[in-house]
Amino acid sequence: MLPECQLFGTLGCHLCEVAEAVLMPFVDHGLLVELVDVAESEPLFECYGLIIPVLRRCDNGGELHWPFDAEQVVAFLGQ
């Protein structure tokens, strides 16, 4: 079973849109990804504002920082 994840990003972020596109095939196969807008939370913005997009596993807190491709996502989800 695939772990639930969060994708930290913000509206108007081109790299975040590219990251979403990388993740779409995984979502189509059952991956749950919550999109989290870091601009809506000062603590999240301070933590992630300069490094978005970041994919975070909800089960173990592991993070995959951009840039990442489908192969890296597979390895990250299999951890």
Protein backbone atom coordinates (compact mmCIF):
# COMPACT_ATOMS: atom_id res chain seq x y z
CA MET A 1 0.00 0.00 0.00
CA LEU A 2 1.27 3.45 -0.89
CA PRO A 3 1.90 5.90 1.96
CA GLU A 4 -0.14 9.08 2.22
CA CYS A 5 1.91 12.14 1.29
CA GLN A 6 1.84 15.91 1.32
CA LEU A 7 3.22 18.15 -1.41
CA PHE A 8 4.38 21.47 -0.02
CA GLY A 9 4.16 24.27 -2.57
CA THR A 10 2.19 27.40 -3.40
CA LEU A 11 0.00 28.84 -6.14
CA GLY A 12 1.85 30.23 -9.13
CA CYS A 13 4.94 28.12 -8.51
CA HIS A 14 6.02 26.62 -11.84
CA LEU A 15 8.23 23.99 -10.23
CA CYS A 16 5.32 22.95 -7.99
CA GLU A 17 3.18 22.43 -11.10
CA VAL A 18 5.92 20.29 -12.64
CA ALA A 19 6.16 18.26 -9.41
CA GLU A 20 2.39 17.72 -9.47
CA ALA A 21 2.70 16.43 -13.05
CA VAL A 22 5.43 13.99 -11.96
CA LEU A 23 3.14 12.73 -9.19
CA MET A 24 -0.06 12.38 -11.28
CA PRO A 25 0.66 8.82 -12.53
CA PHE A 26 1.15 7.77 -8.90
CA VAL A 27 -2.12 9.45 -7.89
CA ASP A 28 -3.83 7.61 -10.74
CA HIS A 29 -2.57 4.37 -9.13
CA GLY A 30 -3.82 5.17 -5.63
CA LEU A 31 -1.28 7.51 -4.06
CA LEU A 32 -2.98 10.06 -1.81
CA VAL A 33 -1.28 13.46 -2.00
CA GLU A 34 -2.50 16.45 -0.02
CA LEU A 35 -1.47 19.75 -1.61
CA VAL A 36 -0.29 22.08 1.15
CA ASP A 37 0.09 25.79 0.35
CA VAL A 38 3.00 27.05 2.45
CA ALA A 39 1.89 30.65 1.93
CA GLU A 40 -1.10 29.98 4.20
CA SER A 41 1.06 29.18 7.25
CA GLU A 42 3.93 31.29 8.54
CA PRO A 43 5.73 28.32 10.15
CA LEU A 44 5.43 26.27 6.94
CA PHE A 45 6.55 29.24 4.85
CA GLU A 46 9.60 29.75 7.07
CA CYS A 47 10.48 26.06 6.81
CA TYR A 48 9.70 25.36 3.14
CA GLY A 49 9.28 28.74 1.40
CA LEU A 50 12.69 28.70 -0.27
CA ILE A 51 12.87 24.98 -1.10
CA ILE A 52 9.42 24.13 -2.52
CA PRO A 53 8.25 21.82 -3.91
CA VAL A 54 8.84 19.18 -1.23
CA LEU A 55 7.10 15.80 -1.08
CA ARG A 56 6.64 14.57 2.51
CA ARG A 57 5.52 11.14 3.70
CA CYS A 58 2.89 11.35 6.45
CA ASP A 59 3.83 7.97 7.95
CA ASN A 60 7.50 8.56 8.69
CA GLY A 61 8.09 12.26 7.95
CA GLY A 62 10.57 11.51 5.17
CA GLU A 63 11.02 14.31 2.65
CA LEU A 64 11.94 14.32 -1.01
CA HIS A 65 13.21 17.72 -2.15
CA TRP A 66 12.98 19.07 -5.68
CA PRO A 67 14.23 18.23 -8.23
CA PHE A 68 12.84 14.70 -8.37
CA ASP A 69 11.67 12.39 -11.14
CA ALA A 70 9.38 9.36 -11.25
CA GLU A 71 12.22 6.94 -10.47
CA GLN A 72 13.18 8.91 -7.37
CA VAL A 73 9.53 9.01 -6.25
CA VAL A 74 9.31 5.21 -6.57
CA ALA A 75 12.42 4.81 -4.40
CA PHE A 76 11.10 7.37 -1.89
CA LEU A 77 7.72 5.65 -1.57
CA GLY A 78 9.38 2.27 -1.13
CA GLN A 79 11.42 3.37 1.89
